[in-house]
Amino acid sequence: MKMKAKIILSGLLVAAISVTGVSVFAGKSDKAEYKEYLKQYTEEKLTLAYDNATSALGFDDSDYQLFTADSSEKPEDMTEDDYILLRMTMGQTIFDTNEIEQGDFAPAIYVKNSLDEAVVLVQKKNGESKMFVYEKDDSEEFKWKLVDKKEAKGDEVEIPEQKSFERFVQEKASN
């Protein structure tokens, strides 16, 4: 009798551990999928904003590589120093002068394929778009100088509401 009780108890213990393990695995899977959802949501949101800015300003980005101001990526053939100096110049003319406010989109950095020009687009939450054009100039302290600035009124970018983790999991479970 004691042997049967031990076997039954062992079986229940294994079952309990298995159910808990499946639950933990499902939780990790949900978190990974939600992280991917957030990444995709952010990319779509920025694409809408950048498309609005390029349209409002009439900017043709076909000869440029796109980078976001909150990314550590840089043009492959550009030196680290040149990119850092470009970002420092951007900081002086855009960030330090309050051209960007809380709620505005992360600026788009378009670096020309020839690596001698950069265009920064700022899409504001109110629909206003700003463009800053920089040219490489080795005589400048930071090797880049602001040569043009434009503004245009575009449409306010309508962004769908971001799902909470709980809502994401509920919708996933109902599908």
N, C-alpha and C. Protein backbone atom coordinates (compact mmCIF):
# COMPACT_ATOMS: atom_id res chain seq x y z
N MET A 1 0.81 -1.20 0.00
CA MET A 1 0.00 0.00 0.00
C MET A 1 0.86 1.26 0.00
N LYS A 2 1.93 1.24 0.81
CA LYS A 2 2.81 2.39 0.86
C LYS A 2 3.45 2.62 -0.51
N MET A 3 3.75 1.53 -1.21
CA MET A 3 4.38 1.64 -2.52
C MET A 3 3.43 2.30 -3.52
N LYS A 4 2.13 1.93 -3.48
CA LYS A 4 1.15 2.54 -4.37
C LYS A 4 1.01 4.03 -4.07
N ALA A 5 1.00 4.37 -2.80
CA ALA A 5 0.87 5.77 -2.39
C ALA A 5 2.06 6.58 -2.90
N LYS A 6 3.28 6.00 -2.81
CA LYS A 6 4.48 6.69 -3.29
C LYS A 6 4.41 6.88 -4.81
N ILE A 7 3.94 5.85 -5.51
CA ILE A 7 3.84 5.93 -6.97
C ILE A 7 2.81 6.99 -7.37
N ILE A 8 1.66 6.98 -6.69
CA ILE A 8 0.62 7.97 -6.99
C ILE A 8 1.12 9.38 -6.68
N LEU A 9 1.78 9.54 -5.53
CA LEU A 9 2.32 10.84 -5.13
C LEU A 9 3.37 11.31 -6.13
N SER A 10 4.24 10.39 -6.56
CA SER A 10 5.26 10.73 -7.56
C SER A 10 4.61 11.15 -8.87
N GLY A 11 3.58 10.43 -9.28
CA GLY A 11 2.86 10.77 -10.51
C GLY A 11 2.23 12.15 -10.44
N LEU A 12 1.61 12.46 -9.31
CA LEU A 12 1.00 13.78 -9.12
C LEU A 12 2.06 14.88 -9.13
N LEU A 13 3.20 14.61 -8.51
CA LEU A 13 4.30 15.58 -8.48
C LEU A 13 4.82 15.85 -9.89
N VAL A 14 5.02 14.80 -10.68
CA VAL A 14 5.49 14.95 -12.06
C VAL A 14 4.46 15.74 -12.87
N ALA A 15 3.19 15.44 -12.69
CA ALA A 15 2.13 16.15 -13.43
C ALA A 15 2.12 17.63 -13.05
N ALA A 16 2.25 17.91 -11.76
CA ALA A 16 2.25 19.31 -11.31
C ALA A 16 3.44 20.07 -11.88
N ILE A 17 4.60 19.44 -11.88
CA ILE A 17 5.80 20.08 -12.43
C ILE A 17 5.64 20.30 -13.93
N SER A 18 5.07 19.33 -14.62
CA SER A 18 4.88 19.44 -16.07
C SER A 18 3.95 20.59 -16.41
N VAL A 19 2.83 20.71 -15.71
CA VAL A 19 1.87 21.79 -15.97
C VAL A 19 2.52 23.14 -15.69
N THR A 20 3.25 23.24 -14.58
CA THR A 20 3.94 24.48 -14.26
C THR A 20 4.98 24.80 -15.32
N GLY A 21 5.71 23.81 -15.77
CA GLY A 21 6.73 24.01 -16.80
C GLY A 21 6.12 24.50 -18.10
N VAL A 22 4.99 23.93 -18.49
CA VAL A 22 4.30 24.37 -19.71
C VAL A 22 3.86 25.82 -19.55
N SER A 23 3.34 26.16 -18.37
CA SER A 23 2.89 27.52 -18.10
C SER A 23 4.04 28.51 -18.18
N VAL A 24 5.18 28.17 -17.60
CA VAL A 24 6.36 29.04 -17.65
C VAL A 24 6.83 29.20 -19.08
N PHE A 25 6.86 28.10 -19.85
CA PHE A 25 7.29 28.15 -21.24
C PHE A 25 6.35 29.04 -22.05
N ALA A 26 5.05 28.88 -21.81
CA ALA A 26 4.07 29.70 -22.53
C ALA A 26 4.26 31.17 -22.18
N GLY A 27 4.56 31.45 -20.91
CA GLY A 27 4.80 32.83 -20.48
C GLY A 27 6.00 33.43 -21.18
N LYS A 28 7.07 32.66 -21.31
CA LYS A 28 8.26 33.15 -22.00
C LYS A 28 7.97 33.36 -23.48
N SER A 29 7.20 32.46 -24.06
CA SER A 29 6.82 32.58 -25.47
C SER A 29 5.99 33.84 -25.68
N ASP A 30 5.03 34.11 -24.79
CA ASP A 30 4.21 35.31 -24.88
C ASP A 30 5.07 36.57 -24.79
N LYS A 31 6.02 36.57 -23.88
CA LYS A 31 6.89 37.73 -23.72
C LYS A 31 7.73 37.97 -24.96
N ALA A 32 8.26 36.91 -25.54
CA ALA A 32 9.06 37.04 -26.76
C ALA A 32 8.21 37.55 -27.92
N GLU A 33 6.99 37.03 -28.03
CA GLU A 33 6.09 37.48 -29.10
C GLU A 33 5.66 38.93 -28.88
N TYR A 34 5.45 39.32 -27.63
CA TYR A 34 5.07 40.70 -27.33
C TYR A 34 6.23 41.65 -27.64
N LYS A 35 7.43 41.22 -27.33
CA LYS A 35 8.61 42.04 -27.65
C LYS A 35 8.71 42.25 -29.16
N GLU A 36 8.45 41.21 -29.93
CA GLU A 36 8.46 41.31 -31.39
C GLU A 36 7.33 42.24 -31.87
N TYR A 37 6.16 42.12 -31.24
CA TYR A 37 5.04 43.01 -31.56
C TYR A 37 5.43 44.47 -31.33
N LEU A 38 6.06 44.77 -30.19
CA LEU A 38 6.47 46.14 -29.87
C LEU A 38 7.48 46.67 -30.89
N LYS A 39 8.41 45.82 -31.28
CA LYS A 39 9.41 46.22 -32.29
C LYS A 39 8.71 46.56 -33.60
N GLN A 40 7.81 45.70 -34.04
CA GLN A 40 7.08 45.92 -35.29
C GLN A 40 6.18 47.17 -35.18
N TYR A 41 5.53 47.35 -34.04
CA TYR A 41 4.67 48.51 -33.81
C TYR A 41 5.48 49.80 -33.94
N THR A 42 6.66 49.82 -33.32
CA THR A 42 7.51 51.01 -33.37
C THR A 42 7.98 51.28 -34.79
N GLU A 43 8.39 50.25 -35.51
CA GLU A 43 8.84 50.43 -36.89
C GLU A 43 7.72 50.97 -37.76
N GLU A 44 6.51 50.45 -37.60
CA GLU A 44 5.37 50.92 -38.39
C GLU A 44 5.03 52.37 -38.05
N LYS A 45 5.11 52.71 -36.77
CA LYS A 45 4.82 54.07 -36.32
C LYS A 45 5.84 55.05 -36.92
N LEU A 46 7.12 54.69 -36.88
CA LEU A 46 8.15 55.56 -37.45
C LEU A 46 8.02 55.66 -38.97
N THR A 47 7.67 54.56 -39.63
CA THR A 47 7.49 54.59 -41.08
C THR A 47 6.38 55.57 -41.46
N LEU A 48 5.26 55.54 -40.73
CA LEU A 48 4.17 56.49 -40.98
C LEU A 48 4.66 57.93 -40.80
N ALA A 49 5.39 58.17 -39.73
CA ALA A 49 5.88 59.52 -39.45
C ALA A 49 6.87 59.98 -40.52
N TYR A 50 7.82 59.11 -40.88
CA TYR A 50 8.83 59.49 -41.87
C TYR A 50 8.21 59.69 -43.25
N ASP A 51 7.24 58.86 -43.61
CA ASP A 51 6.55 59.03 -44.89
C ASP A 51 5.81 60.36 -44.93
N ASN A 52 5.19 60.72 -43.82
CA ASN A 52 4.48 61.99 -43.74
C ASN A 52 5.45 63.16 -43.89
N ALA A 53 6.60 63.07 -43.22
CA ALA A 53 7.59 64.16 -43.29
C ALA A 53 8.18 64.28 -44.69
N THR A 54 8.56 63.17 -45.31
CA THR A 54 9.15 63.24 -46.66
C THR A 54 8.12 63.80 -47.65
N SER A 55 6.87 63.43 -47.49
CA SER A 55 5.82 63.92 -48.39
C SER A 55 5.58 65.42 -48.18
N ALA A 56 5.44 65.84 -46.94
CA ALA A 56 5.17 67.25 -46.64
C ALA A 56 6.31 68.15 -47.10
N LEU A 57 7.55 67.67 -46.98
CA LEU A 57 8.72 68.48 -47.33
C LEU A 57 9.17 68.27 -48.77
N GLY A 58 8.58 67.32 -49.47
CA GLY A 58 8.98 67.03 -50.85
C GLY A 58 10.39 66.49 -50.94
N PHE A 59 10.79 65.70 -49.96
CA PHE A 59 12.15 65.16 -49.91
C PHE A 59 12.19 63.81 -50.63
N ASP A 60 13.12 63.68 -51.58
CA ASP A 60 13.33 62.43 -52.30
C ASP A 60 14.47 61.68 -51.62
N ASP A 61 14.14 60.57 -50.97
CA ASP A 61 15.14 59.83 -50.19
C ASP A 61 15.82 58.71 -50.98
N SER A 62 15.66 58.69 -52.29
CA SER A 62 16.15 57.56 -53.09
C SER A 62 17.67 57.43 -53.12
N ASP A 63 18.42 58.49 -52.86
CA ASP A 63 19.88 58.44 -52.88
C ASP A 63 20.46 58.46 -51.47
N TYR A 64 19.64 58.06 -50.49
CA TYR A 64 20.03 58.15 -49.09
C TYR A 64 19.81 56.83 -48.36
N GLN A 65 20.55 56.66 -47.27
CA GLN A 65 20.36 55.54 -46.36
C GLN A 65 19.68 56.09 -45.10
N LEU A 66 18.68 55.39 -44.60
CA LEU A 66 17.92 55.86 -43.44
C LEU A 66 18.43 55.23 -42.15
N PHE A 67 18.60 56.10 -41.15
CA PHE A 67 18.97 55.67 -39.80
C PHE A 67 18.10 56.46 -38.83
N THR A 68 17.80 55.89 -37.68
CA THR A 68 17.03 56.64 -36.69
C THR A 68 17.97 57.20 -35.64
N ALA A 69 17.57 58.33 -35.08
CA ALA A 69 18.42 59.00 -34.10
C ALA A 69 18.60 58.17 -32.83
N ASP A 70 17.68 57.27 -32.54
CA ASP A 70 17.80 56.46 -31.33
C ASP A 70 18.47 55.11 -31.59
N SER A 71 19.06 54.96 -32.76
CA SER A 71 19.74 53.71 -33.11
C SER A 71 21.26 53.91 -33.07
N SER A 72 21.99 52.85 -32.83
CA SER A 72 23.45 52.93 -32.83
C SER A 72 24.03 52.58 -34.20
N GLU A 73 23.16 52.24 -35.15
CA GLU A 73 23.63 51.91 -36.50
C GLU A 73 24.16 53.15 -37.20
N LYS A 74 25.11 52.93 -38.10
CA LYS A 74 25.68 54.02 -38.90
C LYS A 74 25.91 53.50 -40.31
N PRO A 75 26.10 54.41 -41.26
CA PRO A 75 26.41 53.96 -42.62
C PRO A 75 27.68 53.10 -42.63
N GLU A 76 27.63 52.03 -43.37
CA GLU A 76 28.72 51.05 -43.37
C GLU A 76 30.08 51.66 -43.72
N ASP A 77 30.12 52.52 -44.73
CA ASP A 77 31.40 53.07 -45.20
C ASP A 77 31.80 54.36 -44.49
N MET A 78 30.99 54.86 -43.60
CA MET A 78 31.32 56.09 -42.88
C MET A 78 32.14 55.75 -41.64
N THR A 79 33.15 56.55 -41.37
CA THR A 79 33.97 56.29 -40.18
C THR A 79 33.15 56.59 -38.93
N GLU A 80 33.51 55.94 -37.87
CA GLU A 80 32.84 56.15 -36.59
C GLU A 80 32.96 57.62 -36.18
N ASP A 81 34.15 58.20 -36.37
CA ASP A 81 34.37 59.60 -36.00
C ASP A 81 33.45 60.54 -36.78
N ASP A 82 33.34 60.33 -38.10
CA ASP A 82 32.48 61.19 -38.90
C ASP A 82 31.02 61.11 -38.44
N TYR A 83 30.57 59.91 -38.12
CA TYR A 83 29.18 59.76 -37.69
C TYR A 83 28.96 60.39 -36.32
N ILE A 84 29.92 60.24 -35.43
CA ILE A 84 29.81 60.86 -34.10
C ILE A 84 29.79 62.38 -34.25
N LEU A 85 30.66 62.92 -35.11
CA LEU A 85 30.70 64.37 -35.30
C LEU A 85 29.40 64.88 -35.95
N LEU A 86 28.83 64.11 -36.86
CA LEU A 86 27.54 64.48 -37.44
C LEU A 86 26.48 64.54 -36.34
N ARG A 87 26.45 63.55 -35.50
CA ARG A 87 25.45 63.52 -34.43
C ARG A 87 25.67 64.64 -33.42
N MET A 88 26.92 65.02 -33.19
CA MET A 88 27.20 66.15 -32.30
C MET A 88 26.67 67.45 -32.91
N THR A 89 26.88 67.62 -34.20
CA THR A 89 26.37 68.81 -34.89
C THR A 89 24.85 68.82 -34.86
N MET A 90 24.24 67.66 -35.08
CA MET A 90 22.78 67.55 -34.97
C MET A 90 22.33 67.95 -33.57
N GLY A 91 23.06 67.49 -32.57
CA GLY A 91 22.70 67.81 -31.19
C GLY A 91 22.68 69.31 -30.95
N GLN A 92 23.67 70.01 -31.50
CA GLN A 92 23.74 71.46 -31.31
C GLN A 92 22.61 72.19 -32.02
N THR A 93 22.23 71.73 -33.18
CA THR A 93 21.24 72.47 -33.98
C THR A 93 19.81 71.98 -33.81
N ILE A 94 19.63 70.78 -33.32
CA ILE A 94 18.27 70.25 -33.18
C ILE A 94 17.91 70.03 -31.71
N PHE A 95 18.68 69.22 -31.03
CA PHE A 95 18.32 68.83 -29.67
C PHE A 95 18.53 69.96 -28.66
N ASP A 96 19.64 70.69 -28.78
CA ASP A 96 19.93 71.75 -27.82
C ASP A 96 19.08 72.99 -28.04
N THR A 97 18.38 73.08 -29.14
CA THR A 97 17.56 74.26 -29.45
C THR A 97 16.07 73.98 -29.33
N ASN A 98 15.72 72.87 -28.72
CA ASN A 98 14.32 72.50 -28.48
C ASN A 98 13.49 72.38 -29.76
N GLU A 99 14.12 71.95 -30.84
CA GLU A 99 13.38 71.68 -32.08
C GLU A 99 12.52 70.43 -31.92
N ILE A 100 12.86 69.60 -30.96
CA ILE A 100 12.11 68.38 -30.68
C ILE A 100 11.53 68.49 -29.28
N GLU A 101 10.26 68.15 -29.18
CA GLU A 101 9.58 68.20 -27.89
C GLU A 101 9.12 66.80 -27.51
N GLN A 102 8.78 66.65 -26.26
CA GLN A 102 8.28 65.36 -25.80
C GLN A 102 7.04 64.99 -26.60
N GLY A 103 7.00 63.75 -27.07
CA GLY A 103 5.87 63.27 -27.86
C GLY A 103 6.14 63.29 -29.36
N ASP A 104 7.19 64.03 -29.79
CA ASP A 104 7.56 64.03 -31.21
C ASP A 104 8.23 62.70 -31.54
N PHE A 105 8.30 62.40 -32.82
CA PHE A 105 8.89 61.14 -33.26
C PHE A 105 10.41 61.23 -33.28
N ALA A 106 11.07 60.08 -33.12
CA ALA A 106 12.53 60.03 -33.21
C ALA A 106 12.94 60.54 -34.59
N PRO A 107 13.91 61.44 -34.65
CA PRO A 107 14.32 61.99 -35.95
C PRO A 107 14.84 60.90 -36.89
N ALA A 108 14.59 61.13 -38.17
CA ALA A 108 15.12 60.26 -39.22
C ALA A 108 16.40 60.89 -39.73
N ILE A 109 17.47 60.10 -39.79
CA ILE A 109 18.74 60.59 -40.32
C ILE A 109 18.95 59.92 -41.67
N TYR A 110 18.94 60.72 -42.72
CA TYR A 110 19.18 60.22 -44.07
C TYR A 110 20.59 60.63 -44.46
N VAL A 111 21.47 59.66 -44.65
CA VAL A 111 22.85 59.95 -45.06
C VAL A 111 22.96 59.63 -46.54
N LYS A 112 23.41 60.62 -47.30
CA LYS A 112 23.55 60.44 -48.75
C LYS A 112 24.57 59.34 -49.02
N ASN A 113 24.33 58.57 -50.07
CA ASN A 113 25.23 57.45 -50.40
C ASN A 113 26.67 57.91 -50.62
N SER A 114 26.87 59.15 -51.03
CA SER A 114 28.22 59.69 -51.22
C SER A 114 28.88 60.07 -49.89
N LEU A 115 28.12 60.02 -48.79
CA LEU A 115 28.58 60.28 -47.42
C LEU A 115 29.02 61.73 -47.19
N ASP A 116 28.64 62.65 -48.07
CA ASP A 116 29.03 64.05 -47.90
C ASP A 116 27.85 64.95 -47.54
N GLU A 117 26.69 64.35 -47.34
CA GLU A 117 25.50 65.11 -46.98
C GLU A 117 24.61 64.25 -46.09
N ALA A 118 23.95 64.92 -45.18
CA ALA A 118 22.98 64.24 -44.32
C ALA A 118 21.75 65.14 -44.18
N VAL A 119 20.60 64.52 -44.19
CA VAL A 119 19.34 65.24 -44.02
C VAL A 119 18.64 64.62 -42.81
N VAL A 120 18.24 65.47 -41.89
CA VAL A 120 17.53 65.01 -40.70
C VAL A 120 16.10 65.53 -40.78
N LEU A 121 15.16 64.61 -40.68
CA LEU A 121 13.74 64.98 -40.68
C LEU A 121 13.17 64.80 -39.28
N VAL A 122 12.45 65.81 -38.85
CA VAL A 122 11.78 65.76 -37.56
C VAL A 122 10.29 65.85 -37.82
N GLN A 123 9.56 64.85 -37.36
CA GLN A 123 8.10 64.85 -37.48
C GLN A 123 7.54 65.15 -36.10
N LYS A 124 6.87 66.27 -35.99
CA LYS A 124 6.31 66.67 -34.71
C LYS A 124 4.92 66.06 -34.53
N LYS A 125 4.51 65.94 -33.29
CA LYS A 125 3.21 65.31 -33.01
C LYS A 125 2.04 66.11 -33.57
N ASN A 126 2.22 67.42 -33.78
CA ASN A 126 1.14 68.27 -34.31
C ASN A 126 1.06 68.26 -35.84
N GLY A 127 1.92 67.45 -36.50
CA GLY A 127 1.89 67.36 -37.95
C GLY A 127 2.95 68.20 -38.64
N GLU A 128 3.59 69.10 -37.91
CA GLU A 128 4.64 69.92 -38.49
C GLU A 128 5.86 69.05 -38.79
N SER A 129 6.46 69.28 -39.96
CA SER A 129 7.66 68.55 -40.36
C SER A 129 8.81 69.54 -40.52
N LYS A 130 9.99 69.14 -40.07
CA LYS A 130 11.17 70.00 -40.21
C LYS A 130 12.28 69.20 -40.87
N MET A 131 13.05 69.89 -41.70
CA MET A 131 14.17 69.26 -42.39
C MET A 131 15.43 70.09 -42.15
N PHE A 132 16.49 69.41 -41.76
CA PHE A 132 17.79 70.02 -41.54
C PHE A 132 18.78 69.36 -42.49
N VAL A 133 19.46 70.16 -43.31
CA VAL A 133 20.41 69.62 -44.28
C VAL A 133 21.82 69.99 -43.82
N TYR A 134 22.67 68.97 -43.73
CA TYR A 134 24.06 69.15 -43.31
C TYR A 134 24.98 68.72 -44.45
N GLU A 135 26.08 69.45 -44.59
CA GLU A 135 27.11 69.05 -45.55
C GLU A 135 28.41 68.83 -44.79
N LYS A 136 29.18 67.90 -45.28
CA LYS A 136 30.47 67.63 -44.68
C LYS A 136 31.41 68.77 -45.06
N ASP A 137 32.10 69.30 -44.08
CA ASP A 137 33.02 70.42 -44.29
C ASP A 137 34.18 70.26 -43.32
N ASP A 138 35.32 69.82 -43.83
CA ASP A 138 36.47 69.54 -42.97
C ASP A 138 37.02 70.79 -42.28
N SER A 139 36.65 71.98 -42.74
CA SER A 139 37.13 73.20 -42.09
C SER A 139 36.33 73.53 -40.83
N GLU A 140 35.18 72.89 -40.65
CA GLU A 140 34.35 73.12 -39.47
C GLU A 140 34.89 72.33 -38.28
N GLU A 141 34.60 72.81 -37.08
CA GLU A 141 35.07 72.14 -35.86
C GLU A 141 34.59 70.70 -35.80
N PHE A 142 33.32 70.47 -36.12
CA PHE A 142 32.77 69.12 -36.06
C PHE A 142 32.62 68.48 -37.44
N LYS A 143 33.27 69.04 -38.46
CA LYS A 143 33.32 68.51 -39.83
C LYS A 143 31.98 68.50 -40.56
N TRP A 144 30.93 68.98 -39.93
CA TRP A 144 29.62 69.04 -40.57
C TRP A 144 29.04 70.41 -40.27
N LYS A 145 28.32 70.98 -41.25
CA LYS A 145 27.67 72.26 -40.99
C LYS A 145 26.24 72.23 -41.53
N LEU A 146 25.39 72.94 -40.83
CA LEU A 146 24.00 73.08 -41.24
C LEU A 146 23.96 74.06 -42.41
N VAL A 147 23.41 73.62 -43.55
CA VAL A 147 23.36 74.49 -44.73
C VAL A 147 21.94 74.88 -45.13
N ASP A 148 20.94 74.19 -44.61
CA ASP A 148 19.56 74.52 -44.97
C ASP A 148 18.61 73.99 -43.91
N LYS A 149 17.51 74.70 -43.75
CA LYS A 149 16.47 74.28 -42.82
C LYS A 149 15.13 74.64 -43.44
N LYS A 150 14.20 73.69 -43.45
CA LYS A 150 12.86 73.90 -44.01
C LYS A 150 11.82 73.42 -43.02
N GLU A 151 10.64 74.00 -43.14
CA GLU A 151 9.50 73.55 -42.35
C GLU A 151 8.29 73.43 -43.27
N ALA A 152 7.42 72.50 -42.97
CA ALA A 152 6.18 72.34 -43.72
C ALA A 152 5.12 71.77 -42.80
N LYS A 153 3.89 72.13 -43.07
CA LYS A 153 2.78 71.60 -42.28
C LYS A 153 2.23 70.38 -43.00
N GLY A 154 2.33 69.24 -42.36
CA GLY A 154 1.77 68.01 -42.91
C GLY A 154 0.56 67.60 -42.10
N ASP A 155 0.15 66.39 -42.29
CA ASP A 155 -0.98 65.85 -41.54
C ASP A 155 -0.50 65.32 -40.20
N GLU A 156 -1.37 65.42 -39.20
CA GLU A 156 -1.05 64.75 -37.94
C GLU A 156 -1.02 63.26 -38.22
N VAL A 157 -0.02 62.59 -37.69
CA VAL A 157 0.12 61.16 -37.93
C VAL A 157 -0.78 60.41 -36.96
N GLU A 158 -1.71 59.65 -37.52
CA GLU A 158 -2.63 58.86 -36.71
C GLU A 158 -1.97 57.52 -36.40
N ILE A 159 -1.72 57.29 -35.14
CA ILE A 159 -1.06 56.07 -34.70
C ILE A 159 -2.07 55.21 -33.94
N PRO A 160 -2.22 53.95 -34.35
CA PRO A 160 -3.11 53.07 -33.58
C PRO A 160 -2.57 52.88 -32.17
N GLU A 161 -3.47 52.68 -31.23
CA GLU A 161 -3.07 52.51 -29.84
C GLU A 161 -2.24 51.23 -29.67
N GLN A 162 -1.20 51.36 -28.87
CA GLN A 162 -0.34 50.20 -28.58
C GLN A 162 -1.07 49.29 -27.60
N LYS A 163 -1.02 47.99 -27.86
CA LYS A 163 -1.67 47.02 -26.98
C LYS A 163 -0.82 46.80 -25.73
N SER A 164 -1.50 46.65 -24.60
CA SER A 164 -0.80 46.26 -23.38
C SER A 164 -0.44 44.78 -23.49
N PHE A 165 0.47 44.33 -22.64
CA PHE A 165 0.86 42.92 -22.66
C PHE A 165 -0.36 42.04 -22.39
N GLU A 166 -1.18 42.44 -21.41
CA GLU A 166 -2.35 41.65 -21.05
C GLU A 166 -3.31 41.53 -22.24
N ARG A 167 -3.56 42.65 -22.92
CA ARG A 167 -4.47 42.63 -24.07
C ARG A 167 -3.89 41.79 -25.21
N PHE A 168 -2.58 41.91 -25.41
CA PHE A 168 -1.91 41.13 -26.46
C PHE A 168 -2.10 39.63 -26.21
N VAL A 169 -1.89 39.20 -24.96
CA VAL A 169 -2.03 37.78 -24.61
C VAL A 169 -3.48 37.33 -24.75
N GLN A 170 -4.43 38.17 -24.31
CA GLN A 170 -5.85 37.82 -24.43
C GLN A 170 -6.26 37.66 -25.89
N GLU A 171 -5.84 38.60 -26.74
CA GLU A 171 -6.19 38.52 -28.17
C GLU A 171 -5.54 37.30 -28.81
N LYS A 172 -4.32 36.99 -28.41
CA LYS A 172 -3.62 35.83 -28.95
C LYS A 172 -4.37 34.55 -28.55
N ALA A 173 -4.83 34.49 -27.31
CA ALA A 173 -5.52 33.30 -26.81
C ALA A 173 -6.88 33.12 -27.50
N SER A 174 -7.52 34.22 -27.87
CA SER A 174 -8.84 34.11 -28.49
C SER A 174 -8.76 33.78 -29.98
N ASN A 175 -7.59 33.88 -30.57
CA ASN A 175 -7.44 33.55 -32.01
C ASN A 175 -7.15 32.11 -32.24
